[in-house]
Full PDB file with SEQRES, HELIX, SHEET, SSBOND, CRYST1, ORIGX, SCALE, CONECT and MASTER records, all heavy atoms in Angstrom:
SEQRES   1 A   40  GLN TYR HIS ALA GLU THR GLN LEU ILE ASP ASP PHE HIS          
SEQRES   2 A   40  LEU HIS ILE GLY PRO GLY GLU LYS ILE ALA ILE LEU GLY          
SEQRES   3 A   40  PRO SER GLY ALA GLY LYS SER THR VAL LEU LYS LEU LEU          
SEQRES   4 A   40  GLN                                                          
HELIX    1 AA1 LYS A   32  LEU A   39  1                                   8    
CRYST1    1.000    1.000    1.000  90.00  90.00  90.00 P 1           1          
ORIGX1      1.000000  0.000000  0.000000        0.00000                         
ORIGX2      0.000000  1.000000  0.000000        0.00000                         
ORIGX3      0.000000  0.000000  1.000000        0.00000                         
SCALE1      1.000000  0.000000  0.000000        0.00000                         
SCALE2      0.000000  1.000000  0.000000        0.00000                         
SCALE3      0.000000  0.000000  1.000000        0.00000                         
ATOM      1  N   GLN A   1     175.290-217.605 104.611  1.00  0.00           N  
ATOM      2  CA  GLN A   1     176.707-217.492 104.268  1.00  0.00           C  
ATOM      3  C   GLN A   1     177.275-218.888 104.084  1.00  0.00           C  
ATOM      4  O   GLN A   1     176.781-219.862 104.652  1.00  0.00           O  
ATOM      5  CB  GLN A   1     177.478-216.745 105.360  1.00  0.00           C  
ATOM      6  CG  GLN A   1     177.560-217.489 106.694  1.00  0.00           C  
ATOM      7  CD  GLN A   1     178.248-216.661 107.753  1.00  0.00           C  
ATOM      8  OE1 GLN A   1     177.629-215.804 108.354  1.00  0.00           O  
ATOM      9  NE2 GLN A   1     179.524-216.920 107.957  1.00  0.00           N  
ATOM     10  N   TYR A   2     178.338-218.990 103.223  1.00  0.00           N  
ATOM     11  CA  TYR A   2     179.048-220.251 103.023  1.00  0.00           C  
ATOM     12  C   TYR A   2     180.083-220.401 104.122  1.00  0.00           C  
ATOM     13  O   TYR A   2     180.971-219.561 104.273  1.00  0.00           O  
ATOM     14  CB  TYR A   2     179.785-220.255 101.676  1.00  0.00           C  
ATOM     15  CG  TYR A   2     178.930-220.523 100.480  1.00  0.00           C  
ATOM     16  CD1 TYR A   2     178.690-219.528  99.538  1.00  0.00           C  
ATOM     17  CD2 TYR A   2     178.371-221.771 100.260  1.00  0.00           C  
ATOM     18  CE1 TYR A   2     177.924-219.775  98.414  1.00  0.00           C  
ATOM     19  CE2 TYR A   2     177.603-222.028  99.145  1.00  0.00           C  
ATOM     20  CZ  TYR A   2     177.393-221.028  98.217  1.00  0.00           C  
ATOM     21  OH  TYR A   2     176.628-221.274  97.113  1.00  0.00           O  
ATOM     22  N   HIS A   3     179.988-221.464 104.901  1.00  0.00           N  
ATOM     23  CA  HIS A   3     180.973-221.775 105.932  1.00  0.00           C  
ATOM     24  C   HIS A   3     181.305-220.493 106.726  1.00  0.00           C  
ATOM     25  O   HIS A   3     180.433-219.879 107.302  1.00  0.00           O  
ATOM     26  CB  HIS A   3     182.223-222.393 105.312  1.00  0.00           C  
ATOM     27  CG  HIS A   3     181.920-223.637 104.536  1.00  0.00           C  
ATOM     28  ND1 HIS A   3     181.488-224.803 105.139  1.00  0.00           N  
ATOM     29  CD2 HIS A   3     181.956-223.900 103.195  1.00  0.00           C  
ATOM     30  CE1 HIS A   3     181.284-225.725 104.227  1.00  0.00           C  
ATOM     31  NE2 HIS A   3     181.557-225.211 103.040  1.00  0.00           N  
ATOM     32  N   ALA A   4     182.573-220.087 106.727  1.00  0.00           N  
ATOM     33  CA  ALA A   4     182.967-218.902 107.494  1.00  0.00           C  
ATOM     34  C   ALA A   4     183.168-217.687 106.596  1.00  0.00           C  
ATOM     35  O   ALA A   4     183.816-216.719 106.982  1.00  0.00           O  
ATOM     36  CB  ALA A   4     184.248-219.193 108.265  1.00  0.00           C  
ATOM     37  N   GLU A   5     182.606-217.738 105.391  1.00  0.00           N  
ATOM     38  CA  GLU A   5     182.792-216.631 104.459  1.00  0.00           C  
ATOM     39  C   GLU A   5     181.893-215.453 104.825  1.00  0.00           C  
ATOM     40  O   GLU A   5     181.064-215.519 105.723  1.00  0.00           O  
ATOM     41  CB  GLU A   5     182.488-217.098 103.022  1.00  0.00           C  
ATOM     42  CG  GLU A   5     183.469-218.139 102.520  1.00  0.00           C  
ATOM     43  CD  GLU A   5     183.141-218.579 101.099  1.00  0.00           C  
ATOM     44  OE1 GLU A   5     182.336-217.898 100.445  1.00  0.00           O  
ATOM     45  OE2 GLU A   5     183.679-219.597 100.664  1.00  0.00           O  
ATOM     46  N   THR A   6     182.063-214.360 104.079  1.00  0.00           N  
ATOM     47  CA  THR A   6     181.265-213.159 104.310  1.00  0.00           C  
ATOM     48  C   THR A   6     179.795-213.453 104.114  1.00  0.00           C  
ATOM     49  O   THR A   6     179.407-214.256 103.277  1.00  0.00           O  
ATOM     50  CB  THR A   6     181.716-212.053 103.331  1.00  0.00           C  
ATOM     51  OG1 THR A   6     183.120-211.881 103.454  1.00  0.00           O  
ATOM     52  CG2 THR A   6     181.015-210.748 103.647  1.00  0.00           C  
ATOM     53  N   GLN A   7     178.954-212.756 104.906  1.00  0.00           N  
ATOM     54  CA  GLN A   7     177.507-212.927 104.799  1.00  0.00           C  
ATOM     55  C   GLN A   7     177.046-212.546 103.395  1.00  0.00           C  
ATOM     56  O   GLN A   7     177.291-211.437 102.919  1.00  0.00           O  
ATOM     57  CB  GLN A   7     176.811-212.018 105.827  1.00  0.00           C  
ATOM     58  CG  GLN A   7     175.384-212.392 106.109  1.00  0.00           C  
ATOM     59  CD  GLN A   7     175.260-213.310 107.313  1.00  0.00           C  
ATOM     60  OE1 GLN A   7     176.232-213.919 107.706  1.00  0.00           O  
ATOM     61  NE2 GLN A   7     174.081-213.423 107.871  1.00  0.00           N  
ATOM     62  N   LEU A   8     176.375-213.470 102.702  1.00  0.00           N  
ATOM     63  CA  LEU A   8     175.889-213.202 101.349  1.00  0.00           C  
ATOM     64  C   LEU A   8     174.501-212.582 101.371  1.00  0.00           C  
ATOM     65  O   LEU A   8     174.167-211.761 100.523  1.00  0.00           O  
ATOM     66  CB  LEU A   8     175.867-214.499 100.532  1.00  0.00           C  
ATOM     67  CG  LEU A   8     177.219-215.188 100.336  1.00  0.00           C  
ATOM     68  CD1 LEU A   8     177.048-216.477  99.550  1.00  0.00           C  
ATOM     69  CD2 LEU A   8     178.197-214.262  99.640  1.00  0.00           C  
ATOM     70  N   ILE A   9     173.668-213.008 102.309  1.00  0.00           N  
ATOM     71  CA  ILE A   9     172.329-212.446 102.503  1.00  0.00           C  
ATOM     72  C   ILE A   9     172.219-212.056 103.970  1.00  0.00           C  
ATOM     73  O   ILE A   9     172.550-212.838 104.849  1.00  0.00           O  
ATOM     74  CB  ILE A   9     171.222-213.478 102.153  1.00  0.00           C  
ATOM     75  CG1 ILE A   9     171.272-213.831 100.671  1.00  0.00           C  
ATOM     76  CG2 ILE A   9     169.859-212.937 102.516  1.00  0.00           C  
ATOM     77  CD1 ILE A   9     170.873-212.713  99.752  1.00  0.00           C  
ATOM     78  N   ASP A  10     171.725-210.856 104.222  1.00  0.00           N  
ATOM     79  CA  ASP A  10     171.676-210.367 105.597  1.00  0.00           C  
ATOM     80  C   ASP A  10     170.323-209.713 105.863  1.00  0.00           C  
ATOM     81  O   ASP A  10     169.996-208.678 105.251  1.00  0.00           O  
ATOM     82  CB  ASP A  10     172.815-209.364 105.830  1.00  0.00           C  
ATOM     83  CG  ASP A  10     172.915-208.929 107.280  1.00  0.00           C  
ATOM     84  OD1 ASP A  10     172.318-209.595 108.144  1.00  0.00           O  
ATOM     85  OD2 ASP A  10     173.593-207.916 107.550  1.00  0.00           O  
ATOM     86  N   ASP A  11     169.515-210.327 106.725  1.00  0.00           N  
ATOM     87  CA  ASP A  11     168.205-209.801 107.130  1.00  0.00           C  
ATOM     88  C   ASP A  11     167.361-209.432 105.904  1.00  0.00           C  
ATOM     89  O   ASP A  11     166.811-208.331 105.804  1.00  0.00           O  
ATOM     90  CB  ASP A  11     168.386-208.585 108.041  1.00  0.00           C  
ATOM     91  CG  ASP A  11     167.089-208.225 108.777  1.00  0.00           C  
ATOM     92  OD1 ASP A  11     166.260-209.130 108.984  1.00  0.00           O  
ATOM     93  OD2 ASP A  11     166.915-207.043 109.110  1.00  0.00           O  
ATOM     94  N   PHE A  12     167.256-210.384 104.989  1.00  0.00           N  
ATOM     95  CA  PHE A  12     166.527-210.177 103.737  1.00  0.00           C  
ATOM     96  C   PHE A  12     165.042-210.487 103.961  1.00  0.00           C  
ATOM     97  O   PHE A  12     164.683-211.581 104.395  1.00  0.00           O  
ATOM     98  CB  PHE A  12     167.097-211.087 102.653  1.00  0.00           C  
ATOM     99  CG  PHE A  12     166.509-210.869 101.291  1.00  0.00           C  
ATOM    100  CD1 PHE A  12     166.968-209.860 100.476  1.00  0.00           C  
ATOM    101  CD2 PHE A  12     165.480-211.683 100.823  1.00  0.00           C  
ATOM    102  CE1 PHE A  12     166.444-209.661  99.216  1.00  0.00           C  
ATOM    103  CE2 PHE A  12     164.947-211.495  99.577  1.00  0.00           C  
ATOM    104  CZ  PHE A  12     165.423-210.479  98.769  1.00  0.00           C  
ATOM    105  N   HIS A  13     164.191-209.505 103.661  1.00  0.00           N  
ATOM    106  CA  HIS A  13     162.746-209.672 103.881  1.00  0.00           C  
ATOM    107  C   HIS A  13     162.006-209.304 102.589  1.00  0.00           C  
ATOM    108  O   HIS A  13     162.215-208.233 102.028  1.00  0.00           O  
ATOM    109  CB  HIS A  13     162.276-208.776 105.022  1.00  0.00           C  
ATOM    110  CG  HIS A  13     160.860-209.051 105.442  1.00  0.00           C  
ATOM    111  ND1 HIS A  13     160.516-210.137 106.229  1.00  0.00           N  
ATOM    112  CD2 HIS A  13     159.702-208.406 105.161  1.00  0.00           C  
ATOM    113  CE1 HIS A  13     159.199-210.128 106.430  1.00  0.00           C  
ATOM    114  NE2 HIS A  13     158.689-209.088 105.793  1.00  0.00           N  
ATOM    115  N   LEU A  14     161.146-210.231 102.111  1.00  0.00           N  
ATOM    116  CA  LEU A  14     160.434-209.996 100.850  1.00  0.00           C  
ATOM    117  C   LEU A  14     159.178-210.858 100.799  1.00  0.00           C  
ATOM    118  O   LEU A  14     159.207-212.034 101.154  1.00  0.00           O  
ATOM    119  CB  LEU A  14     161.355-210.346  99.673  1.00  0.00           C  
ATOM    120  CG  LEU A  14     160.744-210.274  98.263  1.00  0.00           C  
ATOM    121  CD1 LEU A  14     160.359-208.837  97.914  1.00  0.00           C  
ATOM    122  CD2 LEU A  14     161.719-210.835  97.231  1.00  0.00           C  
ATOM    123  N   HIS A  15     158.073-210.239 100.364  1.00  0.00           N  
ATOM    124  CA  HIS A  15     156.826-210.977 100.110  1.00  0.00           C  
ATOM    125  C   HIS A  15     156.474-210.820  98.634  1.00  0.00           C  
ATOM    126  O   HIS A  15     156.454-209.707  98.106  1.00  0.00           O  
ATOM    127  CB  HIS A  15     155.689-210.442 100.971  1.00  0.00           C  
ATOM    128  CG  HIS A  15     154.352-211.044 100.623  1.00  0.00           C  
ATOM    129  ND1 HIS A  15     153.974-212.308 101.033  1.00  0.00           N  
ATOM    130  CD2 HIS A  15     153.320-210.560  99.861  1.00  0.00           C  
ATOM    131  CE1 HIS A  15     152.763-212.579 100.562  1.00  0.00           C  
ATOM    132  NE2 HIS A  15     152.343-211.532  99.854  1.00  0.00           N  
ATOM    133  N   ILE A  16     156.202-211.946  97.971  1.00  0.00           N  
ATOM    134  CA  ILE A  16     155.796-211.939  96.559  1.00  0.00           C  
ATOM    135  C   ILE A  16     154.435-212.609  96.472  1.00  0.00           C  
ATOM    136  O   ILE A  16     154.288-213.795  96.808  1.00  0.00           O  
ATOM    137  CB  ILE A  16     156.823-212.689  95.683  1.00  0.00           C  
ATOM    138  CG1 ILE A  16     158.215-212.082  95.853  1.00  0.00           C  
ATOM    139  CG2 ILE A  16     156.394-212.652  94.217  1.00  0.00           C  
ATOM    140  CD1 ILE A  16     159.310-212.844  95.130  1.00  0.00           C  
ATOM    141  N   GLY A  17     153.434-211.852  96.058  1.00  0.00           N  
ATOM    142  CA  GLY A  17     152.083-212.386  95.971  1.00  0.00           C  
ATOM    143  C   GLY A  17     151.859-213.219  94.726  1.00  0.00           C  
ATOM    144  O   GLY A  17     152.665-213.187  93.783  1.00  0.00           O  
ATOM    145  N   PRO A  18     150.766-213.978  94.666  1.00  0.00           N  
ATOM    146  CA  PRO A  18     150.451-214.813  93.489  1.00  0.00           C  
ATOM    147  C   PRO A  18     150.343-213.965  92.228  1.00  0.00           C  
ATOM    148  O   PRO A  18     149.678-212.920  92.214  1.00  0.00           O  
ATOM    149  CB  PRO A  18     149.099-215.435  93.848  1.00  0.00           C  
ATOM    150  CG  PRO A  18     149.030-215.370  95.343  1.00  0.00           C  
ATOM    151  CD  PRO A  18     149.760-214.127  95.738  1.00  0.00           C  
ATOM    152  N   GLY A  19     151.025-214.382  91.169  1.00  0.00           N  
ATOM    153  CA  GLY A  19     150.954-213.693  89.885  1.00  0.00           C  
ATOM    154  C   GLY A  19     151.779-212.433  89.796  1.00  0.00           C  
ATOM    155  O   GLY A  19     151.786-211.763  88.753  1.00  0.00           O  
ATOM    156  N   GLU A  20     152.513-212.080  90.832  1.00  0.00           N  
ATOM    157  CA  GLU A  20     153.282-210.835  90.824  1.00  0.00           C  
ATOM    158  C   GLU A  20     154.555-210.999  90.005  1.00  0.00           C  
ATOM    159  O   GLU A  20     155.168-212.066  89.962  1.00  0.00           O  
ATOM    160  CB  GLU A  20     153.631-210.438  92.255  1.00  0.00           C  
ATOM    161  CG  GLU A  20     154.122-208.998  92.371  1.00  0.00           C  
ATOM    162  CD  GLU A  20     154.282-208.551  93.812  1.00  0.00           C  
ATOM    163  OE1 GLU A  20     154.078-209.379  94.733  1.00  0.00           O  
ATOM    164  OE2 GLU A  20     154.621-207.369  94.026  1.00  0.00           O  
ATOM    165  N   LYS A  21     154.948-209.923  89.330  1.00  0.00           N  
ATOM    166  CA  LYS A  21     156.157-209.909  88.501  1.00  0.00           C  
ATOM    167  C   LYS A  21     157.229-209.076  89.205  1.00  0.00           C  
ATOM    168  O   LYS A  21     157.072-207.876  89.405  1.00  0.00           O  
ATOM    169  CB  LYS A  21     155.862-209.307  87.114  1.00  0.00           C  
ATOM    170  CG  LYS A  21     154.674-209.938  86.378  1.00  0.00           C  
ATOM    171  CD  LYS A  21     154.971-211.363  85.970  1.00  0.00           C  
ATOM    172  CE  LYS A  21     153.867-211.946  85.096  1.00  0.00           C  
ATOM    173  NZ  LYS A  21     152.588-212.148  85.777  1.00  0.00           N  
ATOM    174  N   ILE A  22     158.330-209.761  89.589  1.00  0.00           N  
ATOM    175  CA  ILE A  22     159.398-209.119  90.361  1.00  0.00           C  
ATOM    176  C   ILE A  22     160.702-209.195  89.579  1.00  0.00           C  
ATOM    177  O   ILE A  22     161.066-210.256  89.063  1.00  0.00           O  
ATOM    178  CB  ILE A  22     159.590-209.811  91.727  1.00  0.00           C  
ATOM    179  CG1 ILE A  22     158.310-209.738  92.548  1.00  0.00           C  
ATOM    180  CG2 ILE A  22     160.757-209.193  92.494  1.00  0.00           C  
ATOM    181  CD1 ILE A  22     157.943-208.357  92.992  1.00  0.00           C  
ATOM    182  N   ALA A  23     161.407-208.078  89.496  1.00  0.00           N  
ATOM    183  CA  ALA A  23     162.755-208.057  88.916  1.00  0.00           C  
ATOM    184  C   ALA A  23     163.750-207.761  90.027  1.00  0.00           C  
ATOM    185  O   ALA A  23     163.504-206.891  90.874  1.00  0.00           O  
ATOM    186  CB  ALA A  23     162.867-207.008  87.820  1.00  0.00           C  
ATOM    187  N   ILE A  24     164.876-208.494  90.038  1.00  0.00           N  
ATOM    188  CA  ILE A  24     165.926-208.288  91.043  1.00  0.00           C  
ATOM    189  C   ILE A  24     167.200-207.876  90.332  1.00  0.00           C  
ATOM    190  O   ILE A  24     167.742-208.625  89.519  1.00  0.00           O  
ATOM    191  CB  ILE A  24     166.171-209.565  91.875  1.00  0.00           C  
ATOM    192  CG1 ILE A  24     164.869-210.030  92.534  1.00  0.00           C  
ATOM    193  CG2 ILE A  24     167.228-209.298  92.940  1.00  0.00           C  
ATOM    194  CD1 ILE A  24     165.019-211.301  93.344  1.00  0.00           C  
ATOM    195  N   LEU A  25     167.653-206.661  90.604  1.00  0.00           N  
ATOM    196  CA  LEU A  25     168.857-206.116  89.994  1.00  0.00           C  
ATOM    197  C   LEU A  25     169.953-206.006  91.042  1.00  0.00           C  
ATOM    198  O   LEU A  25     169.697-206.148  92.244  1.00  0.00           O  
ATOM    199  CB  LEU A  25     168.577-204.733  89.404  1.00  0.00           C  
ATOM    200  CG  LEU A  25     167.381-204.581  88.466  1.00  0.00           C  
ATOM    201  CD1 LEU A  25     167.219-203.125  88.077  1.00  0.00           C  
ATOM    202  CD2 LEU A  25     167.566-205.443  87.234  1.00  0.00           C  
ATOM    203  N   GLY A  26     171.162-205.718  90.576  1.00  0.00           N  
ATOM    204  CA  GLY A  26     172.267-205.516  91.501  1.00  0.00           C  
ATOM    205  C   GLY A  26     173.572-206.019  90.928  1.00  0.00           C  
ATOM    206  O   GLY A  26     173.584-206.842  90.015  1.00  0.00           O  
ATOM    207  N   PRO A  27     174.687-205.534  91.462  1.00  0.00           N  
ATOM    208  CA  PRO A  27     176.002-205.968  90.956  1.00  0.00           C  
ATOM    209  C   PRO A  27     176.272-207.425  91.289  1.00  0.00           C  
ATOM    210  O   PRO A  27     175.611-208.028  92.141  1.00  0.00           O  
ATOM    211  CB  PRO A  27     176.972-205.036  91.690  1.00  0.00           C  
ATOM    212  CG  PRO A  27     176.256-204.663  92.951  1.00  0.00           C  
ATOM    213  CD  PRO A  27     174.804-204.591  92.589  1.00  0.00           C  
ATOM    214  N   SER A  28     177.268-208.010  90.632  1.00  0.00           N  
ATOM    215  CA  SER A  28     177.672-209.380  90.941  1.00  0.00           C  
ATOM    216  C   SER A  28     178.127-209.456  92.395  1.00  0.00           C  
ATOM    217  O   SER A  28     178.818-208.577  92.891  1.00  0.00           O  
ATOM    218  CB  SER A  28     178.821-209.819  90.026  1.00  0.00           C  
ATOM    219  OG  SER A  28     178.383-209.880  88.702  1.00  0.00           O  
ATOM    220  N   GLY A  29     177.712-210.542  93.073  1.00  0.00           N  
ATOM    221  CA  GLY A  29     178.048-210.687  94.471  1.00  0.00           C  
ATOM    222  C   GLY A  29     177.077-210.016  95.418  1.00  0.00           C  
ATOM    223  O   GLY A  29     177.273-210.043  96.638  1.00  0.00           O  
ATOM    224  N   ALA A  30     176.012-209.409  94.873  1.00  0.00           N  
ATOM    225  CA  ALA A  30     175.042-208.715  95.724  1.00  0.00           C  
ATOM    226  C   ALA A  30     174.130-209.682  96.464  1.00  0.00           C  
ATOM    227  O   ALA A  30     173.487-209.305  97.435  1.00  0.00           O  
ATOM    228  CB  ALA A  30     174.206-207.741  94.888  1.00  0.00           C  
ATOM    229  N   GLY A  31     174.025-210.930  95.993  1.00  0.00           N  
ATOM    230  CA  GLY A  31     173.181-211.920  96.649  1.00  0.00           C  
ATOM    231  C   GLY A  31     171.983-212.366  95.833  1.00  0.00           C  
ATOM    232  O   GLY A  31     171.149-213.139  96.319  1.00  0.00           O  
ATOM    233  N   LYS A  32     171.906-211.939  94.565  1.00  0.00           N  
ATOM    234  CA  LYS A  32     170.742-212.271  93.732  1.00  0.00           C  
ATOM    235  C   LYS A  32     170.631-213.781  93.516  1.00  0.00           C  
ATOM    236  O   LYS A  32     169.558-214.371  93.715  1.00  0.00           O  
ATOM    237  CB  LYS A  32     170.844-211.559  92.377  1.00  0.00           C  
ATOM    238  CG  LYS A  32     171.022-210.057  92.449  1.00  0.00           C  
ATOM    239  CD  LYS A  32     170.969-209.397  91.097  1.00  0.00           C  
ATOM    240  CE  LYS A  32     172.032-209.901  90.145  1.00  0.00           C  
ATOM    241  NZ  LYS A  32     173.397-209.596  90.603  1.00  0.00           N  
ATOM    242  N   SER A  33     171.728-214.404  93.103  1.00  0.00           N  
ATOM    243  CA  SER A  33     171.700-215.836  92.837  1.00  0.00           C  
ATOM    244  C   SER A  33     171.446-216.639  94.108  1.00  0.00           C  
ATOM    245  O   SER A  33     170.795-217.684  94.078  1.00  0.00           O  
ATOM    246  CB  SER A  33     173.020-216.284  92.197  1.00  0.00           C  
ATOM    247  OG  SER A  33     173.200-215.664  90.943  1.00  0.00           O  
ATOM    248  N   THR A  34     171.950-216.133  95.235  1.00  0.00           N  
ATOM    249  CA  THR A  34     171.713-216.814  96.508  1.00  0.00           C  
ATOM    250  C   THR A  34     170.228-216.834  96.838  1.00  0.00           C  
ATOM    251  O   THR A  34     169.707-217.831  97.355  1.00  0.00           O  
ATOM    252  CB  THR A  34     172.504-216.120  97.633  1.00  0.00           C  
ATOM    253  OG1 THR A  34     173.879-216.063  97.266  1.00  0.00           O  
ATOM    254  CG2 THR A  34     172.353-216.861  98.939  1.00  0.00           C  
ATOM    255  N   VAL A  35     169.534-215.737  96.532  1.00  0.00           N  
ATOM    256  CA  VAL A  35     168.082-215.679  96.762  1.00  0.00           C  
ATOM    257  C   VAL A  35     167.382-216.775  95.969  1.00  0.00           C  
ATOM    258  O   VAL A  35     166.485-217.466  96.484  1.00  0.00           O  
ATOM    259  CB  VAL A  35     167.538-214.287  96.374  1.00  0.00           C  
ATOM    260  CG1 VAL A  35     166.009-214.293  96.323  1.00  0.00           C  
ATOM    261  CG2 VAL A  35     168.015-213.233  97.360  1.00  0.00           C  
ATOM    262  N   LEU A  36     167.792-216.974  94.723  1.00  0.00           N  
ATOM    263  CA  LEU A  36     167.172-218.014  93.899  1.00  0.00           C  
ATOM    264  C   LEU A  36     167.451-219.404  94.462  1.00  0.00           C  
ATOM    265  O   LEU A  36     166.567-220.264  94.464  1.00  0.00           O  
ATOM    266  CB  LEU A  36     167.687-217.919  92.460  1.00  0.00           C  
ATOM    267  CG  LEU A  36     167.393-216.616  91.705  1.00  0.00           C  
ATOM    268  CD1 LEU A  36     167.799-216.762  90.244  1.00  0.00           C  
ATOM    269  CD2 LEU A  36     165.939-216.226  91.808  1.00  0.00           C  
ATOM    270  N   LYS A  37     168.664-219.648  94.904  1.00  0.00           N  
ATOM    271  CA  LYS A  37     169.008-220.962  95.448  1.00  0.00           C  
ATOM    272  C   LYS A  37     168.211-221.263  96.709  1.00  0.00           C  
ATOM    273  O   LYS A  37     167.772-222.392  96.936  1.00  0.00           O  
ATOM    274  CB  LYS A  37     170.510-221.025  95.730  1.00  0.00           C  
ATOM    275  CG  LYS A  37     171.377-220.916  94.479  1.00  0.00           C  
ATOM    276  CD  LYS A  37     172.831-220.719  94.851  1.00  0.00           C  
ATOM    277  CE  LYS A  37     173.679-220.453  93.610  1.00  0.00           C  
ATOM    278  NZ  LYS A  37     175.087-220.165  93.947  1.00  0.00           N  
ATOM    279  N   LEU A  38     168.017-220.240  97.538  1.00  0.00           N  
ATOM    280  CA  LEU A  38     167.211-220.416  98.747  1.00  0.00           C  
ATOM    281  C   LEU A  38     165.755-220.706  98.391  1.00  0.00           C  
ATOM    282  O   LEU A  38     165.099-221.528  99.027  1.00  0.00           O  
ATOM    283  CB  LEU A  38     167.309-219.165  99.623  1.00  0.00           C  
ATOM    284  CG  LEU A  38     168.672-218.917 100.291  1.00  0.00           C  
ATOM    285  CD1 LEU A  38     168.747-217.506 100.845  1.00  0.00           C  
ATOM    286  CD2 LEU A  38     168.923-219.924 101.400  1.00  0.00           C  
ATOM    287  N   LEU A  39     165.259-220.028  97.358  1.00  0.00           N  
ATOM    288  CA  LEU A  39     163.881-220.271  96.921  1.00  0.00           C  
ATOM    289  C   LEU A  39     163.713-221.692  96.412  1.00  0.00           C  
ATOM    290  O   LEU A  39     162.681-222.341  96.657  1.00  0.00           O  
ATOM    291  CB  LEU A  39     163.507-219.269  95.821  1.00  0.00           C  
ATOM    292  CG  LEU A  39     162.150-219.472  95.147  1.00  0.00           C  
ATOM    293  CD1 LEU A  39     161.018-219.332  96.163  1.00  0.00           C  
ATOM    294  CD2 LEU A  39     161.963-218.488  93.994  1.00  0.00           C  
ATOM    295  N   GLN A  40     164.720-222.219  95.718  1.00  0.00           N  
ATOM    296  CA  GLN A  40     164.654-223.578  95.185  1.00  0.00           C  
ATOM    297  C   GLN A  40     164.830-224.650  96.266  1.00  0.00           C  
ATOM    298  O   GLN A  40     164.640-225.836  95.988  1.00  0.00           O  
ATOM    299  CB  GLN A  40     165.725-223.774  94.109  1.00  0.00           C  
ATOM    300  CG  GLN A  40     165.465-222.964  92.845  1.00  0.00           C  
ATOM    301  CD  GLN A  40     166.616-223.076  91.877  1.00  0.00           C  
ATOM    302  OE1 GLN A  40     167.671-222.473  92.057  1.00  0.00           O  
ATOM    303  NE2 GLN A  40     166.434-223.882  90.841  1.00  0.00           N  
TER     304      GLN A  40                                                      
MASTER        0    0    0    1    0    0    0    6  303    1    0    4          
END                                                                             
């Protein structure tokens, strides 16, 4: 979460194996972009 804002990602668990193709869908604000930033 950003500072004292609402939790953007909560108990998120995911394993992606080598060469696997994953698509992440969801409405705006669901946390998709946050997942990418954490990965980077």
